[in-house]
Amino acid sequence: MWQMTKIFKLKGSEYMLSTKNLYAMNIHYRYYSLEYFFAEASKNGFQNAEIWLCPQHFLINYKDSENPRKLVDLAKKYSVNIKCLCPEQNNPKPNNIAARDELLIDNTFNYFKKVIDLANDIGCQKVLVTPGWNYYDEELSEARKRSTLMLQRICDYAKTKGIILVLESIWNHSSQIATNITEIKELKAAVNRKNLKLTIDLGAITAANESIDNWFHTFGKDIEHCHFVDGNPTGHFSWGRGARNMLEDIKVFNKYHYDGGLSFEFVNPVCYRSPQIEDRRTIEIFNSCLKYLQ
């Protein structure tokens, strides 16, 4: 369980993060309705959210989409702003940014176009993307070329709508295209689009033996989003179930004047039965940390 260790108070001028930076996420509400998620997010005091576009909550694919009013109305009803959309895009999902076959390439691009259109329709500025996943029966360099080309196309379309893409690394159990800082840096440079920014996924960077400080030292202000999770050392747990020291993590974010989202991407099954309790405990730990930063 979580323990507060190595506590050092920071001067008020160094403190930046607040509960407005915490983003609710529906990924661990997969056994509940989307409205239940919004209602519980509101009860827990969230101002903002990242929406995982799973079909049981909001159906969207390369051909069809539910009415955006569904999201707009829920956000308004419960006073929770949608700040980021998280499309389905990792194996075995069909929307692979590094897709190889022509049909899958076309379908993937059309899917992301629809997601970008949805973001534009609901007033959401960010869409999360990954490098996609490679096939084991090919040279990795070929998958990286396809990932670069697809990200360029998606970025170019997103630019027409004023949408920012926030790219995260993926741990090497799922993909080998860009698993660490060096590979993400190379991919971002190859894509070469100003509206491609970055996401720190605490699970993925820990799997690569990297730190939050490493990422900010390399990418600076290009980091605009975070999947804020606990782990042992990985695992995408809610906070209090893993071994990370939240206070130390927050201090690093503050050091770099980070003001983006800290999104609750809790994808471990232990978080699925009572997701609102997992959220509440994480918020309580976060608030405890803030007391030492004032």
C-alpha atoms as a PDB file:
ATOM      1  CA  MET A   1       0.000   0.000   0.000  1.00  0.00           C
ATOM      2  CA  TRP A   2       0.969   3.624  -0.505  1.00  0.00           C
ATOM      3  CA  GLN A   3       3.275   5.253   1.993  1.00  0.00           C
ATOM      4  CA  MET A   4       4.389   8.877   2.220  1.00  0.00           C
ATOM      5  CA  THR A   5       8.178   8.770   2.301  1.00  0.00           C
ATOM      6  CA  LYS A   6      10.963  11.326   2.009  1.00  0.00           C
ATOM      7  CA  ILE A   7       8.614  14.262   2.540  1.00  0.00           C
ATOM      8  CA  PHE A   8      10.034  17.729   1.888  1.00  0.00           C
ATOM      9  CA  LYS A   9       7.869  20.826   1.795  1.00  0.00           C
ATOM     10  CA  LEU A  10       8.222  23.053  -1.256  1.00  0.00           C
ATOM     11  CA  LYS A  11       7.867  26.811  -1.277  1.00  0.00           C
ATOM     12  CA  GLY A  12       4.495  28.038  -2.446  1.00  0.00           C
ATOM     13  CA  SER A  13       6.018  29.631  -5.538  1.00  0.00           C
ATOM     14  CA  GLU A  14       7.200  26.212  -6.748  1.00  0.00           C
ATOM     15  CA  TYR A  15       3.767  24.615  -6.496  1.00  0.00           C
ATOM     16  CA  MET A  16       1.613  24.411  -9.601  1.00  0.00           C
ATOM     17  CA  LEU A  17      -0.467  21.242  -9.828  1.00  0.00           C
ATOM     18  CA  SER A  18      -3.964  21.127  -8.367  1.00  0.00           C
ATOM     19  CA  THR A  19      -7.031  18.901  -8.564  1.00  0.00           C
ATOM     20  CA  LYS A  20      -7.975  20.592 -11.850  1.00  0.00           C
ATOM     21  CA  ASN A  21      -5.092  18.649 -13.406  1.00  0.00           C
ATOM     22  CA  LEU A  22      -6.690  15.324 -12.439  1.00  0.00           C
ATOM     23  CA  TYR A  23      -8.621  13.762 -15.326  1.00  0.00           C
ATOM     24  CA  ALA A  24     -11.251  11.114 -14.720  1.00  0.00           C
ATOM     25  CA  MET A  25     -11.124   8.258 -17.218  1.00  0.00           C
ATOM     26  CA  ASN A  26     -13.802   5.714 -18.055  1.00  0.00           C
ATOM     27  CA  ILE A  27     -11.412   2.880 -18.867  1.00  0.00           C
ATOM     28  CA  HIS A  28     -11.953   1.162 -15.504  1.00  0.00           C
ATOM     29  CA  TYR A  29     -15.709   1.846 -15.667  1.00  0.00           C
ATOM     30  CA  ARG A  30     -16.022  -0.663 -18.524  1.00  0.00           C
ATOM     31  CA  TYR A  31     -18.648  -2.679 -16.634  1.00  0.00           C
ATOM     32  CA  TYR A  32     -20.799   0.408 -16.024  1.00  0.00           C
ATOM     33  CA  SER A  33     -22.650   2.808 -18.288  1.00  0.00           C
ATOM     34  CA  LEU A  34     -21.074   5.990 -19.578  1.00  0.00           C
ATOM     35  CA  GLU A  35     -23.563   8.094 -17.633  1.00  0.00           C
ATOM     36  CA  TYR A  36     -22.632   6.244 -14.438  1.00  0.00           C
ATOM     37  CA  PHE A  37     -19.018   7.227 -15.107  1.00  0.00           C
ATOM     38  CA  PHE A  38     -19.893  10.906 -15.561  1.00  0.00           C
ATOM     39  CA  ALA A  39     -22.104  10.900 -12.464  1.00  0.00           C
ATOM     40  CA  GLU A  40     -19.383   9.350 -10.294  1.00  0.00           C
ATOM     41  CA  ALA A  41     -16.724  11.635 -11.746  1.00  0.00           C
ATOM     42  CA  SER A  42     -18.852  14.605 -10.766  1.00  0.00           C
ATOM     43  CA  LYS A  43     -19.411  13.233  -7.253  1.00  0.00           C
ATOM     44  CA  ASN A  44     -15.667  12.783  -6.848  1.00  0.00           C
ATOM     45  CA  GLY A  45     -15.080  16.408  -7.812  1.00  0.00           C
ATOM     46  CA  PHE A  46     -13.423  15.957 -11.201  1.00  0.00           C
ATOM     47  CA  GLN A  47     -13.544  19.003 -13.448  1.00  0.00           C
ATOM     48  CA  ASN A  48     -12.030  17.264 -16.477  1.00  0.00           C
ATOM     49  CA  ALA A  49     -11.943  13.859 -18.160  1.00  0.00           C
ATOM     50  CA  GLU A  50     -10.260  11.766 -20.833  1.00  0.00           C
ATOM     51  CA  ILE A  51     -12.743   9.569 -22.664  1.00  0.00           C
ATOM     52  CA  TRP A  52     -11.713   6.087 -23.777  1.00  0.00           C
ATOM     53  CA  LEU A  53     -13.713   5.351 -26.924  1.00  0.00           C
ATOM     54  CA  CYS A  54     -14.794   1.816 -26.126  1.00  0.00           C
ATOM     55  CA  PRO A  55     -17.903   0.683 -28.059  1.00  0.00           C
ATOM     56  CA  GLN A  56     -19.959   0.009 -24.919  1.00  0.00           C
ATOM     57  CA  HIS A  57     -19.618   3.680 -23.986  1.00  0.00           C
ATOM     58  CA  PHE A  58     -19.383   5.488 -27.317  1.00  0.00           C
ATOM     59  CA  LEU A  59     -19.500   3.587 -30.576  1.00  0.00           C
ATOM     60  CA  ILE A  60     -17.227   4.956 -33.268  1.00  0.00           C
ATOM     61  CA  ASN A  61     -15.405   3.159 -36.067  1.00  0.00           C
ATOM     62  CA  TYR A  62     -14.088   3.847 -39.565  1.00  0.00           C
ATOM     63  CA  LYS A  63     -17.633   4.063 -40.985  1.00  0.00           C
ATOM     64  CA  ASP A  64     -20.031   5.116 -38.251  1.00  0.00           C
ATOM     65  CA  SER A  65     -20.270   7.116 -35.062  1.00  0.00           C
ATOM     66  CA  GLU A  66     -22.827   7.813 -32.410  1.00  0.00           C
ATOM     67  CA  ASN A  67     -24.122  11.355 -32.201  1.00  0.00           C
ATOM     68  CA  PRO A  68     -21.573  13.688 -30.552  1.00  0.00           C
ATOM     69  CA  ARG A  69     -24.453  15.206 -28.602  1.00  0.00           C
ATOM     70  CA  LYS A  70     -24.287  12.173 -26.313  1.00  0.00           C
ATOM     71  CA  LEU A  71     -20.888  13.303 -25.028  1.00  0.00           C
ATOM     72  CA  VAL A  72     -21.709  17.007 -25.100  1.00  0.00           C
ATOM     73  CA  ASP A  73     -24.892  16.511 -23.081  1.00  0.00           C
ATOM     74  CA  LEU A  74     -23.273  14.262 -20.461  1.00  0.00           C
ATOM     75  CA  ALA A  75     -20.343  16.643 -20.040  1.00  0.00           C
ATOM     76  CA  LYS A  76     -22.738  19.562 -19.573  1.00  0.00           C
ATOM     77  CA  LYS A  77     -25.129  17.679 -17.268  1.00  0.00           C
ATOM     78  CA  TYR A  78     -22.359  16.657 -14.867  1.00  0.00           C
ATOM     79  CA  SER A  79     -20.028  19.670 -15.346  1.00  0.00           C
ATOM     80  CA  VAL A  80     -17.093  17.509 -16.428  1.00  0.00           C
ATOM     81  CA  ASN A  81     -15.126  18.866 -19.386  1.00  0.00           C
ATOM     82  CA  ILE A  82     -13.764  16.414 -21.962  1.00  0.00           C
ATOM     83  CA  LYS A  83     -10.102  17.332 -22.450  1.00  0.00           C
ATOM     84  CA  CYS A  84      -8.764  14.313 -24.338  1.00  0.00           C
ATOM     85  CA  LEU A  85     -10.084  11.415 -26.426  1.00  0.00           C
ATOM     86  CA  CYS A  86      -8.382   8.025 -26.263  1.00  0.00           C
ATOM     87  CA  PRO A  87      -9.167   5.963 -29.390  1.00  0.00           C
ATOM     88  CA  GLU A  88      -8.969   2.166 -29.376  1.00  0.00           C
ATOM     89  CA  GLN A  89      -5.723   1.385 -31.187  1.00  0.00           C
ATOM     90  CA  ASN A  90      -3.640  -1.397 -29.636  1.00  0.00           C
ATOM     91  CA  ASN A  91      -3.495  -5.094 -30.546  1.00  0.00           C
ATOM     92  CA  PRO A  92      -5.941  -6.790 -31.058  1.00  0.00           C
ATOM     93  CA  LYS A  93      -7.906  -3.676 -31.973  1.00  0.00           C
ATOM     94  CA  PRO A  94      -8.136  -3.145 -35.758  1.00  0.00           C
ATOM     95  CA  ASN A  95      -7.036   0.514 -35.622  1.00  0.00           C
ATOM     96  CA  ASN A  96      -3.286  -0.032 -35.810  1.00  0.00           C
ATOM     97  CA  ILE A  97      -1.271   3.084 -36.684  1.00  0.00           C
ATOM     98  CA  ALA A  98       1.380   0.764 -38.140  1.00  0.00           C
ATOM     99  CA  ALA A  99      -1.153  -1.345 -40.067  1.00  0.00           C
ATOM    100  CA  ARG A 100       0.343  -3.323 -42.959  1.00  0.00           C
ATOM    101  CA  ASP A 101      -2.478  -4.347 -45.299  1.00  0.00           C
ATOM    102  CA  GLU A 102      -4.055  -1.760 -47.585  1.00  0.00           C
ATOM    103  CA  LEU A 103      -7.577  -2.267 -46.251  1.00  0.00           C
ATOM    104  CA  LEU A 104      -6.435  -1.939 -42.636  1.00  0.00           C
ATOM    105  CA  ILE A 105      -4.381   1.136 -43.479  1.00  0.00           C
ATOM    106  CA  ASP A 106      -7.400   2.815 -45.087  1.00  0.00           C
ATOM    107  CA  ASN A 107      -9.719   1.812 -42.248  1.00  0.00           C
ATOM    108  CA  THR A 108      -7.271   3.023 -39.602  1.00  0.00           C
ATOM    109  CA  PHE A 109      -6.865   6.421 -41.232  1.00  0.00           C
ATOM    110  CA  ASN A 110     -10.620   6.806 -41.621  1.00  0.00           C
ATOM    111  CA  TYR A 111     -11.115   5.811 -37.977  1.00  0.00           C
ATOM    112  CA  PHE A 112      -8.738   8.492 -36.744  1.00  0.00           C
ATOM    113  CA  LYS A 113     -10.338  11.052 -39.053  1.00  0.00           C
ATOM    114  CA  LYS A 114     -13.680  10.280 -37.417  1.00  0.00           C
ATOM    115  CA  VAL A 115     -12.173  10.564 -33.942  1.00  0.00           C
ATOM    116  CA  ILE A 116     -10.634  13.927 -34.850  1.00  0.00           C
ATOM    117  CA  ASP A 117     -13.983  15.069 -36.229  1.00  0.00           C
ATOM    118  CA  LEU A 118     -15.594  13.970 -32.967  1.00  0.00           C
ATOM    119  CA  ALA A 119     -13.023  15.908 -30.939  1.00  0.00           C
ATOM    120  CA  ASN A 120     -13.717  18.972 -33.043  1.00  0.00           C
ATOM    121  CA  ASP A 121     -17.492  18.572 -32.655  1.00  0.00           C
ATOM    122  CA  ILE A 122     -17.367  18.344 -28.868  1.00  0.00           C
ATOM    123  CA  GLY A 123     -14.715  21.025 -28.318  1.00  0.00           C
ATOM    124  CA  CYS A 124     -11.966  18.646 -27.216  1.00  0.00           C
ATOM    125  CA  GLN A 125      -8.463  19.763 -28.213  1.00  0.00           C
ATOM    126  CA  LYS A 126      -6.423  16.560 -27.744  1.00  0.00           C
ATOM    127  CA  VAL A 127      -6.466  13.032 -29.177  1.00  0.00           C
ATOM    128  CA  LEU A 128      -4.123  10.384 -27.788  1.00  0.00           C
ATOM    129  CA  VAL A 129      -2.117   8.273 -30.233  1.00  0.00           C
ATOM    130  CA  THR A 130       0.418   5.454 -29.974  1.00  0.00           C
ATOM    131  CA  PRO A 131       3.116   4.282 -32.402  1.00  0.00           C
ATOM    132  CA  GLY A 132       0.996   1.261 -33.297  1.00  0.00           C
ATOM    133  CA  TRP A 133       2.247  -2.321 -33.219  1.00  0.00           C
ATOM    134  CA  ASN A 134       4.560  -4.267 -35.473  1.00  0.00           C
ATOM    135  CA  TYR A 135       4.248  -7.768 -36.954  1.00  0.00           C
ATOM    136  CA  TYR A 136       6.796 -10.345 -35.860  1.00  0.00           C
ATOM    137  CA  ASP A 137       7.244 -11.630 -39.423  1.00  0.00           C
ATOM    138  CA  GLU A 138       8.793  -8.417 -40.740  1.00  0.00           C
ATOM    139  CA  GLU A 139      11.725  -6.096 -40.166  1.00  0.00           C
ATOM    140  CA  LEU A 140      10.978  -3.602 -37.404  1.00  0.00           C
ATOM    141  CA  SER A 141      12.166  -0.795 -39.653  1.00  0.00           C
ATOM    142  CA  GLU A 142       9.242  -1.439 -42.011  1.00  0.00           C
ATOM    143  CA  ALA A 143       6.695  -1.048 -39.208  1.00  0.00           C
ATOM    144  CA  ARG A 144       8.387   2.178 -38.109  1.00  0.00           C
ATOM    145  CA  LYS A 145       8.105   3.572 -41.640  1.00  0.00           C
ATOM    146  CA  ARG A 146       4.378   2.819 -41.716  1.00  0.00           C
ATOM    147  CA  SER A 147       3.899   4.333 -38.256  1.00  0.00           C
ATOM    148  CA  THR A 148       5.649   7.518 -39.386  1.00  0.00           C
ATOM    149  CA  LEU A 149       3.565   7.827 -42.545  1.00  0.00           C
ATOM    150  CA  MET A 150       0.274   7.247 -40.730  1.00  0.00           C
ATOM    151  CA  LEU A 151       1.108   9.715 -37.972  1.00  0.00           C
ATOM    152  CA  GLN A 152       1.975  12.317 -40.589  1.00  0.00           C
ATOM    153  CA  ARG A 153      -1.374  11.802 -42.319  1.00  0.00           C
ATOM    154  CA  ILE A 154      -3.297  11.942 -39.050  1.00  0.00           C
ATOM    155  CA  CYS A 155      -1.400  15.043 -37.908  1.00  0.00           C
ATOM    156  CA  ASP A 156      -2.094  16.786 -41.202  1.00  0.00           C
ATOM    157  CA  TYR A 157      -5.813  16.085 -40.929  1.00  0.00           C
ATOM    158  CA  ALA A 158      -5.866  17.074 -37.252  1.00  0.00           C
ATOM    159  CA  LYS A 159      -4.222  20.389 -38.137  1.00  0.00           C
ATOM    160  CA  THR A 160      -7.211  21.304 -40.321  1.00  0.00           C
ATOM    161  CA  LYS A 161      -9.413  20.956 -37.221  1.00  0.00           C
ATOM    162  CA  GLY A 162      -7.043  22.577 -34.737  1.00  0.00           C
ATOM    163  CA  ILE A 163      -6.500  19.290 -32.865  1.00  0.00           C
ATOM    164  CA  ILE A 164      -3.299  18.274 -31.052  1.00  0.00           C
ATOM    165  CA  LEU A 165      -2.154  14.647 -31.020  1.00  0.00           C
ATOM    166  CA  VAL A 166      -0.433  13.434 -27.856  1.00  0.00           C
ATOM    167  CA  LEU A 167       1.824  10.443 -28.518  1.00  0.00           C
ATOM    168  CA  GLU A 168       2.742   7.908 -25.833  1.00  0.00           C
ATOM    169  CA  SER A 169       5.318   5.140 -25.793  1.00  0.00           C
ATOM    170  CA  ILE A 170       4.197   1.514 -25.458  1.00  0.00           C
ATOM    171  CA  TRP A 171       5.971  -1.116 -23.417  1.00  0.00           C
ATOM    172  CA  ASN A 172       7.767  -3.812 -25.374  1.00  0.00           C
ATOM    173  CA  HIS A 173       5.290  -6.552 -24.470  1.00  0.00           C
ATOM    174  CA  SER A 174       2.809  -4.895 -26.837  1.00  0.00           C
ATOM    175  CA  SER A 175       4.940  -3.265 -29.527  1.00  0.00           C
ATOM    176  CA  GLN A 176       8.572  -2.674 -30.403  1.00  0.00           C
ATOM    177  CA  ILE A 177       8.117   0.410 -32.596  1.00  0.00           C
ATOM    178  CA  ALA A 178       8.799   3.067 -29.943  1.00  0.00           C
ATOM    179  CA  THR A 179       9.219   1.796 -26.407  1.00  0.00           C
ATOM    180  CA  ASN A 180      11.605   4.344 -24.923  1.00  0.00           C
ATOM    181  CA  ILE A 181      12.803   7.945 -25.059  1.00  0.00           C
ATOM    182  CA  THR A 182      15.325   7.356 -27.848  1.00  0.00           C
ATOM    183  CA  GLU A 183      12.786   5.661 -30.126  1.00  0.00           C
ATOM    184  CA  ILE A 184      10.022   8.177 -29.371  1.00  0.00           C
ATOM    185  CA  LYS A 185      12.442  11.016 -30.118  1.00  0.00           C
ATOM    186  CA  GLU A 186      13.370   9.428 -33.452  1.00  0.00           C
ATOM    187  CA  LEU A 187       9.727   8.806 -34.359  1.00  0.00           C
ATOM    188  CA  LYS A 188       8.660  12.330 -33.427  1.00  0.00           C
ATOM    189  CA  ALA A 189      11.504  13.800 -35.505  1.00  0.00           C
ATOM    190  CA  ALA A 190      10.587  11.605 -38.475  1.00  0.00           C
ATOM    191  CA  VAL A 191       6.928  12.659 -38.314  1.00  0.00           C
ATOM    192  CA  ASN A 192       8.029  16.295 -38.056  1.00  0.00           C
ATOM    193  CA  ARG A 193       4.667  17.886 -37.329  1.00  0.00           C
ATOM    194  CA  LYS A 194       4.167  20.753 -34.887  1.00  0.00           C
ATOM    195  CA  ASN A 195       0.837  19.412 -33.636  1.00  0.00           C
ATOM    196  CA  LEU A 196       2.397  16.112 -32.505  1.00  0.00           C
ATOM    197  CA  LYS A 197       3.016  16.428 -28.773  1.00  0.00           C
ATOM    198  CA  LEU A 198       3.710  13.815 -26.116  1.00  0.00           C
ATOM    199  CA  THR A 199       2.139  11.798 -23.310  1.00  0.00           C
ATOM    200  CA  ILE A 200       4.056  10.417 -20.359  1.00  0.00           C
ATOM    201  CA  ASP A 201       2.594   7.020 -19.495  1.00  0.00           C
ATOM    202  CA  LEU A 202       4.009   6.181 -16.074  1.00  0.00           C
ATOM    203  CA  GLY A 203       3.578   2.452 -16.678  1.00  0.00           C
ATOM    204  CA  ALA A 204       5.349   2.482 -20.035  1.00  0.00           C
ATOM    205  CA  ILE A 205       8.246   4.696 -18.989  1.00  0.00           C
ATOM    206  CA  THR A 206       8.841   2.615 -15.870  1.00  0.00           C
ATOM    207  CA  ALA A 207       8.924  -0.545 -17.977  1.00  0.00           C
ATOM    208  CA  ALA A 208      11.708   1.128 -19.983  1.00  0.00           C
ATOM    209  CA  ASN A 209      13.595   2.053 -16.777  1.00  0.00           C
ATOM    210  CA  GLU A 210      12.995   5.732 -17.439  1.00  0.00           C
ATOM    211  CA  SER A 211      11.888   8.544 -15.159  1.00  0.00           C
ATOM    212  CA  ILE A 212       9.588  11.536 -15.438  1.00  0.00           C
ATOM    213  CA  ASP A 213      12.691  13.703 -15.153  1.00  0.00           C
ATOM    214  CA  ASN A 214      14.299  11.874 -18.115  1.00  0.00           C
ATOM    215  CA  TRP A 215      11.279  12.675 -20.273  1.00  0.00           C
ATOM    216  CA  PHE A 216      11.115  16.354 -19.357  1.00  0.00           C
ATOM    217  CA  HIS A 217      14.864  16.722 -19.808  1.00  0.00           C
ATOM    218  CA  THR A 218      14.480  15.367 -23.353  1.00  0.00           C
ATOM    219  CA  PHE A 219      11.132  16.793 -24.470  1.00  0.00           C
ATOM    220  CA  GLY A 220      10.347  19.754 -22.217  1.00  0.00           C
ATOM    221  CA  LYS A 221       7.163  21.645 -23.090  1.00  0.00           C
ATOM    222  CA  ASP A 222       6.222  19.106 -25.779  1.00  0.00           C
ATOM    223  CA  ILE A 223       4.851  16.953 -22.943  1.00  0.00           C
ATOM    224  CA  GLU A 224       1.173  17.895 -22.667  1.00  0.00           C
ATOM    225  CA  HIS A 225      -0.515  14.836 -21.167  1.00  0.00           C
ATOM    226  CA  CYS A 226       0.097  12.036 -18.657  1.00  0.00           C
ATOM    227  CA  HIS A 227      -1.387   8.649 -17.865  1.00  0.00           C
ATOM    228  CA  PHE A 228      -1.018   8.930 -14.118  1.00  0.00           C
ATOM    229  CA  VAL A 229      -0.875   5.418 -12.676  1.00  0.00           C
ATOM    230  CA  ASP A 230       0.663   3.422  -9.859  1.00  0.00           C
ATOM    231  CA  GLY A 231       2.570   0.168 -10.404  1.00  0.00           C
ATOM    232  CA  ASN A 232       4.823  -2.592  -9.068  1.00  0.00           C
ATOM    233  CA  PRO A 233       6.721  -1.149 -10.879  1.00  0.00           C
ATOM    234  CA  THR A 234       4.280  -1.297 -13.828  1.00  0.00           C
ATOM    235  CA  GLY A 235       0.680  -2.472 -13.865  1.00  0.00           C
ATOM    236  CA  HIS A 236      -1.549   0.591 -14.430  1.00  0.00           C
ATOM    237  CA  PHE A 237      -2.979   0.394 -10.920  1.00  0.00           C
ATOM    238  CA  SER A 238      -4.930   3.053  -9.107  1.00  0.00           C
ATOM    239  CA  TRP A 239      -2.765   4.848  -6.582  1.00  0.00           C
ATOM    240  CA  GLY A 240      -2.278   3.037  -3.298  1.00  0.00           C
ATOM    241  CA  ARG A 241      -2.125  -0.379  -4.960  1.00  0.00           C
ATOM    242  CA  GLY A 242       1.454  -0.039  -6.167  1.00  0.00           C
ATOM    243  CA  ALA A 243       4.862   1.112  -5.009  1.00  0.00           C
ATOM    244  CA  ARG A 244       5.262   4.524  -6.688  1.00  0.00           C
ATOM    245  CA  ASN A 245       5.773   7.590  -4.516  1.00  0.00           C
ATOM    246  CA  MET A 246       3.194  10.093  -5.714  1.00  0.00           C
ATOM    247  CA  LEU A 247       4.706  13.000  -3.828  1.00  0.00           C
ATOM    248  CA  GLU A 248       8.067  12.552  -5.529  1.00  0.00           C
ATOM    249  CA  ASP A 249       6.349  12.282  -8.916  1.00  0.00           C
ATOM    250  CA  ILE A 250       4.346  15.470  -8.359  1.00  0.00           C
ATOM    251  CA  LYS A 251       7.478  17.341  -7.317  1.00  0.00           C
ATOM    252  CA  VAL A 252       9.082  16.493 -10.663  1.00  0.00           C
ATOM    253  CA  PHE A 253       6.022  17.642 -12.620  1.00  0.00           C
ATOM    254  CA  ASN A 254       6.052  20.888 -10.665  1.00  0.00           C
ATOM    255  CA  LYS A 255       9.772  21.379 -11.248  1.00  0.00           C
ATOM    256  CA  TYR A 256       9.091  21.544 -14.970  1.00  0.00           C
ATOM    257  CA  HIS A 257       5.952  23.726 -14.523  1.00  0.00           C
ATOM    258  CA  TYR A 258       3.726  21.039 -16.024  1.00  0.00           C
ATOM    259  CA  ASP A 259       0.100  22.102 -16.296  1.00  0.00           C
ATOM    260  CA  GLY A 260      -1.395  19.307 -18.397  1.00  0.00           C
ATOM    261  CA  GLY A 261      -3.639  16.438 -17.428  1.00  0.00           C
ATOM    262  CA  LEU A 262      -2.947  13.630 -14.985  1.00  0.00           C
ATOM    263  CA  SER A 263      -5.325  11.019 -16.344  1.00  0.00           C
ATOM    264  CA  PHE A 264      -6.529   7.984 -14.376  1.00  0.00           C
ATOM    265  CA  GLU A 265      -5.819   5.182 -16.876  1.00  0.00           C
ATOM    266  CA  PHE A 266      -6.382   2.312 -14.439  1.00  0.00           C
ATOM    267  CA  VAL A 267      -6.499  -0.837 -16.579  1.00  0.00           C
ATOM    268  CA  ASN A 268      -5.842  -3.519 -13.985  1.00  0.00           C
ATOM    269  CA  PRO A 269      -8.914  -5.734 -13.324  1.00  0.00           C
ATOM    270  CA  VAL A 270      -8.707  -5.091  -9.577  1.00  0.00           C
ATOM    271  CA  CYS A 271      -9.959  -1.581 -10.366  1.00  0.00           C
ATOM    272  CA  TYR A 272     -13.062  -2.624 -12.309  1.00  0.00           C
ATOM    273  CA  ARG A 273     -15.534  -3.638  -9.558  1.00  0.00           C
ATOM    274  CA  SER A 274     -15.599  -0.353  -7.635  1.00  0.00           C
ATOM    275  CA  PRO A 275     -13.945   2.208  -9.918  1.00  0.00           C
ATOM    276  CA  GLN A 276     -15.305   5.206  -8.069  1.00  0.00           C
ATOM    277  CA  ILE A 277     -13.573   4.021  -4.884  1.00  0.00           C
ATOM    278  CA  GLU A 278     -10.288   3.593  -6.770  1.00  0.00           C
ATOM    279  CA  ASP A 279     -10.658   7.172  -8.013  1.00  0.00           C
ATOM    280  CA  ARG A 280     -11.550   8.516  -4.592  1.00  0.00           C
ATOM    281  CA  ARG A 281      -8.540   6.924  -2.918  1.00  0.00           C
ATOM    282  CA  THR A 282      -6.227   8.338  -5.593  1.00  0.00           C
ATOM    283  CA  ILE A 283      -7.702  11.815  -5.110  1.00  0.00           C
ATOM    284  CA  GLU A 284      -7.235  11.531  -1.340  1.00  0.00           C
ATOM    285  CA  ILE A 285      -3.575  10.588  -1.771  1.00  0.00           C
ATOM    286  CA  PHE A 286      -3.126  13.447  -4.239  1.00  0.00           C
ATOM    287  CA  ASN A 287      -4.681  15.937  -1.815  1.00  0.00           C
ATOM    288  CA  SER A 288      -2.431  14.630   0.966  1.00  0.00           C
ATOM    289  CA  CYS A 289       0.566  15.298  -1.256  1.00  0.00           C
ATOM    290  CA  LEU A 290      -0.596  18.829  -2.019  1.00  0.00           C
ATOM    291  CA  LYS A 291      -0.478  19.706   1.689  1.00  0.00           C
ATOM    292  CA  TYR A 292       3.273  19.157   1.599  1.00  0.00           C
ATOM    293  CA  LEU A 293       3.694  21.372  -1.441  1.00  0.00           C
ATOM    294  CA  GLN A 294       2.132  24.545  -0.055  1.00  0.00           C
END
